[in-house]
Structures are given as structure tokens and as C-alpha cells.
Amino acid sequence: MDIRNAKLHPDQYFHIFNRGINGMPVFFEAKNYDFFLKQYTQFVHPFVETFAYCLLGNHFHLLVRVRDVAQLDLAIKKDREKPYYWHVSNGFSSFLKSYTRAVNSVYNRTGGLFETPFKRIEVKEESYFSTLIAYIHRNPEKHGLVKDFRSYPYSSYQAHLQDAPTFLSRQAVLDWFGGKEQYQAFHLQEKQPPLDEKWLLE
């Protein structure tokens, strides 16, 4: 499976994930996570809907849907002769490059920060949506960063339960689970439904 060059076509769902070069850190302190999301909303949000995210020390996970053609036409400001998937991929690349430039400037480093191209897998089976969201949110616990994934501050888990404004497609996520109570219960299942190993970063 080609997980680095799959084309990000309109109306398709993708698990987007990537890590630092050689597994090195990409987040160094709390403000980095906030800046990462700020740059994401600037460069990527115009091209995709975002359903879940988790930012960890040396990698990140996202579940997104590329916007439809009408929405992409509104977001594209130049190079209109290029295909839609080029603009979406370029949005992600510009986002990661902008984050890298800022980190290099602040921490007096040079060179790349993330593996390139970023990884992506199309999500075709609707049955994977809920399972993949739970997998993304449970990652901090899986990697031993926290004892309870619900306390981890750099994932979208709590944002789905709150009413504060968010760039996430919150209602769509809650609808997949059948509401907030079912959302929480599914995440707490001791044995999650099997997740194909193709979704794993390692």
C-alpha cells in the first residue's frame, strides 16, 4: 500500500499521520502544540473537514474528509489549472513547512523536522470511523504518556464533549457514535474492535 503518494481527492476520507525524522521529537513544549493547531487551521482547514486529532511528542494523527468540489473552488485562490488533490496536498505541505520554519527559528535548529511526504490512508469502510477515532484518542495512553487518555490535553477527545467553538466537525463525530454518552462508552471499552494493522503508525 502506497501511504505517501495517495491522491487526496474531493469527498474522500483519510487517516493522515506522520512523525519526526528518525522518530525524533516534533513538539518540544506546550506552546508548540497550540501553534501547530493554529497553523493547521490556517493552511489545511480550508481544504478539509477534521473529525479527530492527536498530537504526541514525535508524531501526530488526523482523521479528515477532503471538502467537496464547490467548497474547494472557494478555497483555491491561485493555480486553478492544477487538480484539486494537488491543492489539498500542497495545503498540508505548506502547513508542515511553516511549522518547521517556526520551530527552527525558535530553537536555533536547521533542516527538516517531519518525514516527507506525509503519510495518508484512505478510509473507505464506514465501520472504521468510530474505531479509528477511538484509536487516535487512545494513543497517548498506548504510548505511556498518560494513565488515562481522557486527561491528555493535545487530542480532540474533550473538544467533542464541550460546547466551545472548534474547527472540528463535532456534530458529525457525535452522530457516528449516537451521542455523547455512546461516544464516551465506546472509548472506554476494554477491548476495542479490531483495527487493521495498516492504520498503525509503527
C-alpha atoms as a PDB file:
ATOM      1  CA  MET A   1       0.000   0.000   0.000  1.00  0.00           C
ATOM      2  CA  ASP A   2       1.298   3.412  -1.009  1.00  0.00           C
ATOM      3  CA  ILE A   3       0.852   5.568   2.092  1.00  0.00           C
ATOM      4  CA  ARG A   4       2.878   8.559   0.931  1.00  0.00           C
ATOM      5  CA  ASN A   5       1.546   9.347  -2.537  1.00  0.00           C
ATOM      6  CA  ALA A   6      -2.170   8.520  -2.440  1.00  0.00           C
ATOM      7  CA  LYS A   7      -4.065  11.412  -4.023  1.00  0.00           C
ATOM      8  CA  LEU A   8      -6.324  13.441  -1.724  1.00  0.00           C
ATOM      9  CA  HIS A   9      -9.416  13.600  -3.916  1.00  0.00           C
ATOM     10  CA  PRO A  10     -12.548  15.606  -3.043  1.00  0.00           C
ATOM     11  CA  ASP A  11     -15.123  13.971  -0.750  1.00  0.00           C
ATOM     12  CA  GLN A  12     -12.759  11.207   0.379  1.00  0.00           C
ATOM     13  CA  TYR A  13     -11.848  10.403   3.992  1.00  0.00           C
ATOM     14  CA  PHE A  14      -8.239   9.951   5.093  1.00  0.00           C
ATOM     15  CA  HIS A  15      -6.229   8.991   8.118  1.00  0.00           C
ATOM     16  CA  ILE A  16      -3.327  11.465   7.968  1.00  0.00           C
ATOM     17  CA  PHE A  17      -0.317  10.704  10.135  1.00  0.00           C
ATOM     18  CA  ASN A  18       3.369  11.445  10.274  1.00  0.00           C
ATOM     19  CA  ARG A  19       6.313  11.631  12.627  1.00  0.00           C
ATOM     20  CA  GLY A  20       9.619  13.363  13.093  1.00  0.00           C
ATOM     21  CA  ILE A  21      12.595  12.302  11.010  1.00  0.00           C
ATOM     22  CA  ASN A  22      14.069   9.124  12.534  1.00  0.00           C
ATOM     23  CA  GLY A  23      11.359   9.293  15.190  1.00  0.00           C
ATOM     24  CA  MET A  24      12.771  12.483  16.671  1.00  0.00           C
ATOM     25  CA  PRO A  25      10.521  14.925  18.608  1.00  0.00           C
ATOM     26  CA  VAL A  26       8.422  17.474  16.731  1.00  0.00           C
ATOM     27  CA  PHE A  27       6.887  19.085  19.834  1.00  0.00           C
ATOM     28  CA  PHE A  28       9.223  20.454  22.499  1.00  0.00           C
ATOM     29  CA  GLU A  29       6.965  22.388  24.876  1.00  0.00           C
ATOM     30  CA  ALA A  30       3.294  23.155  25.426  1.00  0.00           C
ATOM     31  CA  LYS A  31       3.127  26.196  23.164  1.00  0.00           C
ATOM     32  CA  ASN A  32       4.244  24.093  20.185  1.00  0.00           C
ATOM     33  CA  TYR A  33       1.004  22.090  20.225  1.00  0.00           C
ATOM     34  CA  ASP A  34      -1.120  25.239  20.176  1.00  0.00           C
ATOM     35  CA  PHE A  35       0.936  26.754  17.371  1.00  0.00           C
ATOM     36  CA  PHE A  36       0.688  23.511  15.369  1.00  0.00           C
ATOM     37  CA  LEU A  37      -3.109  23.671  15.516  1.00  0.00           C
ATOM     38  CA  LYS A  38      -3.116  27.366  14.688  1.00  0.00           C
ATOM     39  CA  GLN A  39      -1.070  26.752  11.547  1.00  0.00           C
ATOM     40  CA  TYR A  40      -3.234  23.761  10.708  1.00  0.00           C
ATOM     41  CA  THR A  41      -6.414  25.830  10.756  1.00  0.00           C
ATOM     42  CA  GLN A  42      -4.763  28.450   8.558  1.00  0.00           C
ATOM     43  CA  PHE A  43      -3.239  26.203   5.899  1.00  0.00           C
ATOM     44  CA  VAL A  44      -5.289  22.984   5.925  1.00  0.00           C
ATOM     45  CA  HIS A  45      -8.765  23.699   7.310  1.00  0.00           C
ATOM     46  CA  PRO A  46      -9.901  25.476   4.110  1.00  0.00           C
ATOM     47  CA  PHE A  47      -9.392  22.188   2.245  1.00  0.00           C
ATOM     48  CA  VAL A  48     -10.627  19.556   4.724  1.00  0.00           C
ATOM     49  CA  GLU A  49     -13.108  18.814   7.468  1.00  0.00           C
ATOM     50  CA  THR A  50     -11.373  17.491  10.576  1.00  0.00           C
ATOM     51  CA  PHE A  51     -13.004  14.855  12.774  1.00  0.00           C
ATOM     52  CA  ALA A  52     -10.220  13.884  15.175  1.00  0.00           C
ATOM     53  CA  TYR A  53      -6.609  14.632  16.018  1.00  0.00           C
ATOM     54  CA  CYS A  54      -3.934  13.660  18.488  1.00  0.00           C
ATOM     55  CA  LEU A  55      -0.550  15.357  18.794  1.00  0.00           C
ATOM     56  CA  LEU A  56       2.172  13.364  20.519  1.00  0.00           C
ATOM     57  CA  GLY A  57       5.815  14.073  21.204  1.00  0.00           C
ATOM     58  CA  ASN A  58       7.206  12.776  17.927  1.00  0.00           C
ATOM     59  CA  HIS A  59       4.138  12.206  15.739  1.00  0.00           C
ATOM     60  CA  PHE A  60       0.532  13.150  15.054  1.00  0.00           C
ATOM     61  CA  HIS A  61      -2.716  11.603  13.791  1.00  0.00           C
ATOM     62  CA  LEU A  62      -5.665  13.206  11.973  1.00  0.00           C
ATOM     63  CA  LEU A  63      -8.941  11.921  10.551  1.00  0.00           C
ATOM     64  CA  VAL A  64     -10.213  14.209   7.807  1.00  0.00           C
ATOM     65  CA  ARG A  65     -12.547  14.441   4.832  1.00  0.00           C
ATOM     66  CA  VAL A  66     -11.411  16.410   1.805  1.00  0.00           C
ATOM     67  CA  ARG A  67     -14.045  19.046   1.095  1.00  0.00           C
ATOM     68  CA  ASP A  68     -16.307  18.769  -1.936  1.00  0.00           C
ATOM     69  CA  VAL A  69     -15.577  20.456  -5.247  1.00  0.00           C
ATOM     70  CA  ALA A  70     -17.762  23.505  -4.564  1.00  0.00           C
ATOM     71  CA  GLN A  71     -16.008  24.170  -1.247  1.00  0.00           C
ATOM     72  CA  LEU A  72     -12.562  23.622  -2.760  1.00  0.00           C
ATOM     73  CA  ASP A  73     -13.351  26.090  -5.543  1.00  0.00           C
ATOM     74  CA  LEU A  74     -13.948  28.730  -2.864  1.00  0.00           C
ATOM     75  CA  ALA A  75     -10.702  27.865  -1.048  1.00  0.00           C
ATOM     76  CA  ILE A  76      -8.412  27.834  -4.090  1.00  0.00           C
ATOM     77  CA  LYS A  77      -7.020  31.298  -4.783  1.00  0.00           C
ATOM     78  CA  LYS A  78      -4.379  30.574  -7.465  1.00  0.00           C
ATOM     79  CA  ASP A  79      -3.029  27.816  -9.723  1.00  0.00           C
ATOM     80  CA  ARG A  80      -6.620  26.911 -10.570  1.00  0.00           C
ATOM     81  CA  GLU A  81      -5.461  24.819 -13.513  1.00  0.00           C
ATOM     82  CA  LYS A  82      -3.937  22.286 -11.130  1.00  0.00           C
ATOM     83  CA  PRO A  83      -6.057  19.319  -9.930  1.00  0.00           C
ATOM     84  CA  TYR A  84      -7.899  19.500  -6.620  1.00  0.00           C
ATOM     85  CA  TYR A  85      -5.743  16.846  -4.963  1.00  0.00           C
ATOM     86  CA  TRP A  86      -2.648  18.962  -5.680  1.00  0.00           C
ATOM     87  CA  HIS A  87      -4.096  21.907  -3.770  1.00  0.00           C
ATOM     88  CA  VAL A  88      -5.075  19.741  -0.796  1.00  0.00           C
ATOM     89  CA  SER A  89      -1.671  18.083  -0.611  1.00  0.00           C
ATOM     90  CA  ASN A  90       0.027  21.459  -1.043  1.00  0.00           C
ATOM     91  CA  GLY A  91      -2.020  22.803   1.868  1.00  0.00           C
ATOM     92  CA  PHE A  92      -0.673  20.048   4.111  1.00  0.00           C
ATOM     93  CA  SER A  93       2.882  20.516   2.849  1.00  0.00           C
ATOM     94  CA  SER A  94       2.755  24.295   3.327  1.00  0.00           C
ATOM     95  CA  PHE A  95       1.408  23.763   6.840  1.00  0.00           C
ATOM     96  CA  LEU A  96       4.207  21.378   7.859  1.00  0.00           C
ATOM     97  CA  LYS A  97       6.856  23.601   6.271  1.00  0.00           C
ATOM     98  CA  SER A  98       5.551  26.680   8.085  1.00  0.00           C
ATOM     99  CA  TYR A  99       5.589  24.835  11.403  1.00  0.00           C
ATOM    100  CA  THR A 100       9.123  23.576  10.732  1.00  0.00           C
ATOM    101  CA  ARG A 101      10.393  27.060   9.857  1.00  0.00           C
ATOM    102  CA  ALA A 102       8.984  28.466  13.087  1.00  0.00           C
ATOM    103  CA  VAL A 103      10.451  25.655  15.213  1.00  0.00           C
ATOM    104  CA  ASN A 104      13.839  26.032  13.546  1.00  0.00           C
ATOM    105  CA  SER A 105      13.805  29.753  14.224  1.00  0.00           C
ATOM    106  CA  VAL A 106      12.800  29.436  17.885  1.00  0.00           C
ATOM    107  CA  TYR A 107      15.093  26.537  18.765  1.00  0.00           C
ATOM    108  CA  ASN A 108      18.057  27.548  16.617  1.00  0.00           C
ATOM    109  CA  ARG A 109      17.970  24.393  14.519  1.00  0.00           C
ATOM    110  CA  THR A 110      18.192  23.713  10.787  1.00  0.00           C
ATOM    111  CA  GLY A 111      16.880  21.129   8.357  1.00  0.00           C
ATOM    112  CA  GLY A 112      13.698  19.129   8.102  1.00  0.00           C
ATOM    113  CA  LEU A 113      11.515  18.168  11.027  1.00  0.00           C
ATOM    114  CA  PHE A 114       8.961  15.711   9.583  1.00  0.00           C
ATOM    115  CA  GLU A 115       9.305  12.682   7.339  1.00  0.00           C
ATOM    116  CA  THR A 116       8.248  13.525   3.787  1.00  0.00           C
ATOM    117  CA  PRO A 117       5.901  13.120   2.106  1.00  0.00           C
ATOM    118  CA  PHE A 118       3.406  12.894   4.965  1.00  0.00           C
ATOM    119  CA  LYS A 119       1.522   9.584   5.267  1.00  0.00           C
ATOM    120  CA  ARG A 120      -2.101   9.093   4.352  1.00  0.00           C
ATOM    121  CA  ILE A 121      -4.536   6.174   4.072  1.00  0.00           C
ATOM    122  CA  GLU A 122      -7.977   6.442   2.539  1.00  0.00           C
ATOM    123  CA  VAL A 123     -10.766   5.385   4.895  1.00  0.00           C
ATOM    124  CA  LYS A 124     -13.321   3.573   2.776  1.00  0.00           C
ATOM    125  CA  GLU A 125     -15.196   1.459   5.320  1.00  0.00           C
ATOM    126  CA  GLU A 126     -17.688   3.428   7.420  1.00  0.00           C
ATOM    127  CA  SER A 127     -17.283   0.815  10.147  1.00  0.00           C
ATOM    128  CA  TYR A 128     -13.728   2.115  10.685  1.00  0.00           C
ATOM    129  CA  PHE A 129     -14.750   5.684  11.532  1.00  0.00           C
ATOM    130  CA  SER A 130     -15.624   5.173  15.182  1.00  0.00           C
ATOM    131  CA  THR A 131     -12.840   2.653  15.729  1.00  0.00           C
ATOM    132  CA  LEU A 132     -10.229   4.908  14.149  1.00  0.00           C
ATOM    133  CA  ILE A 133     -11.339   7.929  16.182  1.00  0.00           C
ATOM    134  CA  ALA A 134     -11.043   5.898  19.389  1.00  0.00           C
ATOM    135  CA  TYR A 135      -7.637   4.611  18.283  1.00  0.00           C
ATOM    136  CA  ILE A 136      -6.433   8.169  17.648  1.00  0.00           C
ATOM    137  CA  HIS A 137      -7.668   9.403  21.028  1.00  0.00           C
ATOM    138  CA  ARG A 138      -6.269   6.438  22.970  1.00  0.00           C
ATOM    139  CA  ASN A 139      -2.761   6.878  21.534  1.00  0.00           C
ATOM    140  CA  PRO A 140      -1.323   8.859  24.483  1.00  0.00           C
ATOM    141  CA  GLU A 141      -2.268   6.046  26.858  1.00  0.00           C
ATOM    142  CA  LYS A 142      -0.948   3.427  24.452  1.00  0.00           C
ATOM    143  CA  HIS A 143       2.441   5.182  24.364  1.00  0.00           C
ATOM    144  CA  GLY A 144       2.552   5.629  28.149  1.00  0.00           C
ATOM    145  CA  LEU A 145       2.300   9.412  28.108  1.00  0.00           C
ATOM    146  CA  VAL A 146      -0.690   9.392  30.472  1.00  0.00           C
ATOM    147  CA  LYS A 147      -2.508   6.783  32.545  1.00  0.00           C
ATOM    148  CA  ASP A 148      -5.895   7.880  31.214  1.00  0.00           C
ATOM    149  CA  PHE A 149      -6.183   9.127  27.627  1.00  0.00           C
ATOM    150  CA  ARG A 150      -9.108  11.339  28.642  1.00  0.00           C
ATOM    151  CA  SER A 151      -6.726  13.608  30.570  1.00  0.00           C
ATOM    152  CA  TYR A 152      -4.401  14.181  27.626  1.00  0.00           C
ATOM    153  CA  PRO A 153      -4.639  17.863  26.613  1.00  0.00           C
ATOM    154  CA  TYR A 154      -3.483  17.578  22.988  1.00  0.00           C
ATOM    155  CA  SER A 155      -6.193  15.469  21.402  1.00  0.00           C
ATOM    156  CA  SER A 156      -9.720  16.201  20.226  1.00  0.00           C
ATOM    157  CA  TYR A 157     -11.373  13.856  22.739  1.00  0.00           C
ATOM    158  CA  GLN A 158     -12.567  16.533  25.166  1.00  0.00           C
ATOM    159  CA  ALA A 159     -13.403  19.030  22.408  1.00  0.00           C
ATOM    160  CA  HIS A 160     -16.131  16.694  21.193  1.00  0.00           C
ATOM    161  CA  LEU A 161     -17.757  16.771  24.634  1.00  0.00           C
ATOM    162  CA  GLN A 162     -17.644  20.533  25.124  1.00  0.00           C
ATOM    163  CA  ASP A 163     -19.643  23.383  23.628  1.00  0.00           C
ATOM    164  CA  ALA A 164     -16.755  25.781  22.985  1.00  0.00           C
ATOM    165  CA  PRO A 165     -16.146  26.845  19.368  1.00  0.00           C
ATOM    166  CA  THR A 166     -13.944  24.408  17.465  1.00  0.00           C
ATOM    167  CA  PHE A 167     -12.659  23.801  13.932  1.00  0.00           C
ATOM    168  CA  LEU A 168     -13.663  20.140  14.370  1.00  0.00           C
ATOM    169  CA  SER A 169     -16.770  18.657  12.739  1.00  0.00           C
ATOM    170  CA  ARG A 170     -18.036  17.861  16.223  1.00  0.00           C
ATOM    171  CA  GLN A 171     -21.654  17.011  15.472  1.00  0.00           C
ATOM    172  CA  ALA A 172     -20.729  14.588  12.696  1.00  0.00           C
ATOM    173  CA  VAL A 173     -18.483  12.699  15.122  1.00  0.00           C
ATOM    174  CA  LEU A 174     -21.126  12.521  17.842  1.00  0.00           C
ATOM    175  CA  ASP A 175     -23.657  11.341  15.270  1.00  0.00           C
ATOM    176  CA  TRP A 176     -21.353   8.469  14.236  1.00  0.00           C
ATOM    177  CA  PHE A 177     -21.338   7.261  17.829  1.00  0.00           C
ATOM    178  CA  GLY A 178     -25.011   8.017  18.514  1.00  0.00           C
ATOM    179  CA  GLY A 179     -24.441  10.831  21.018  1.00  0.00           C
ATOM    180  CA  LYS A 180     -22.075  11.925  23.779  1.00  0.00           C
ATOM    181  CA  GLU A 181     -22.814   9.023  26.120  1.00  0.00           C
ATOM    182  CA  GLN A 182     -22.194   6.428  23.439  1.00  0.00           C
ATOM    183  CA  TYR A 183     -19.062   8.329  22.350  1.00  0.00           C
ATOM    184  CA  GLN A 184     -17.621   8.100  25.855  1.00  0.00           C
ATOM    185  CA  ALA A 185     -18.700   4.493  26.365  1.00  0.00           C
ATOM    186  CA  PHE A 186     -17.131   3.345  23.092  1.00  0.00           C
ATOM    187  CA  HIS A 187     -13.791   4.938  24.021  1.00  0.00           C
ATOM    188  CA  LEU A 188     -13.810   3.144  27.380  1.00  0.00           C
ATOM    189  CA  GLN A 189     -14.370  -0.354  26.031  1.00  0.00           C
ATOM    190  CA  GLU A 190     -11.616  -2.574  27.432  1.00  0.00           C
ATOM    191  CA  LYS A 191     -11.380  -4.409  24.141  1.00  0.00           C
ATOM    192  CA  GLN A 192     -11.652  -2.116  21.171  1.00  0.00           C
ATOM    193  CA  PRO A 193     -12.975  -3.583  17.912  1.00  0.00           C
ATOM    194  CA  PRO A 194     -10.069  -4.929  15.820  1.00  0.00           C
ATOM    195  CA  LEU A 195      -8.212  -2.264  13.899  1.00  0.00           C
ATOM    196  CA  ASP A 196      -6.392  -3.408  10.791  1.00  0.00           C
ATOM    197  CA  GLU A 197      -2.632  -3.035  11.276  1.00  0.00           C
ATOM    198  CA  LYS A 198      -2.496  -0.835   8.159  1.00  0.00           C
ATOM    199  CA  TRP A 199      -3.796   2.047  10.305  1.00  0.00           C
ATOM    200  CA  LEU A 200      -0.890   1.898  12.726  1.00  0.00           C
ATOM    201  CA  LEU A 201       1.989   4.363  12.562  1.00  0.00           C
ATOM    202  CA  GLU A 202       4.683   1.959  13.659  1.00  0.00           C
END
